[in-house]
Amino acid sequence: MDNTDAIIAYYDTQVEIEWQRIDGRPEFILTCHYLDRYIASCDTVLDIGGGPGRYATYLAGQGCDVTLLDLSPANVQFAKAKAKELRLPLQALQGDARTADTAVQGLYDHVLLMGPLYHLQTEQDRKQAVEASLRLLKPGGMLFVSFISLYAPLIYAMKYEPEYVIEQNEPSLAYMHAVEQNKSFAGHLFTHAFFINPTDILPFMAQFPLERRHLFAQEGVTAPGEPNIMAQPQEVIDKWLALSEILAERQELLTMAEHIMYIGQKK
């Protein structure tokens, strides 16, 4: 079943929330540190599923030539307006990650696929999105792919809604069953979404012509205690962020993160 219309409707009402969601948070800060390792000023970047443009405007501000493609028309319009407000060059288009190569022309130095795999519920759709991204990526270019961890809802519940574990509605019960069975979960929680068991990421990505560079926790180890950590003096926050970057690729700690990124170089 294709849930595209429902996902568009959800994000069309969440534009401002999505723009603010990662502002100044470990997920954004640590991810940008990894982006900065590979993306240089004047590089061309395609941001597929980039939402309202938080990463796109960051990279445009670094001097990159950035194109954003997003499923939500409201996100696209917001990104255009925000880039204009910030006086940054940014091309923004509406389109589906699975057919990105029909909406966008040319080849890019780097492609970000940091959102679509949160919502594509079949492996075939997820595979289609990665393949479309690779067709738009130059040989030797870097592909940045984000996943939502199977444990992200549990981490969120620990922070904000501990009573979630006793909810009896069908989606919650189905999700908790998947956790107990140690299986990735596709279903309707905040919207139609896909939560991957971290151990499934590398086998999924191994089917593509990519040389693995990194698999890291985008929040590092901060996610379970993030509200408390981010309320501390800046010196304490900075130490946690530095520690998180050191620990980000420890495979035994990936389950502490809500979001996990694979970075691969196109062969």
Foldseek 3Di string as FASTA:
>chain_A
DDPLVQVLVLLLVCQVVVLPVCVPALLVVLVVVVVVVADAAQFEEEEEQCFLQNPVLVNQVRRYAYEYEHQHPNSQVNNVVVCVVVVGDYHYYYDDLLQVLVVDDAAGLEYEAEHNQFADQDLVSVVSSVVSRVVRYDAQHKYKHKAFALCLVVLVCLVPNVVLCVDDDDVSVQSVVCVVVLAWDADADVHGGTHGHVVVVCVSVVVAQWDWDAKWASSQLCRSPRVVQVVDPPVSVVVVSVVSSVRGRVSVRNSSHRMIMIMTTHD
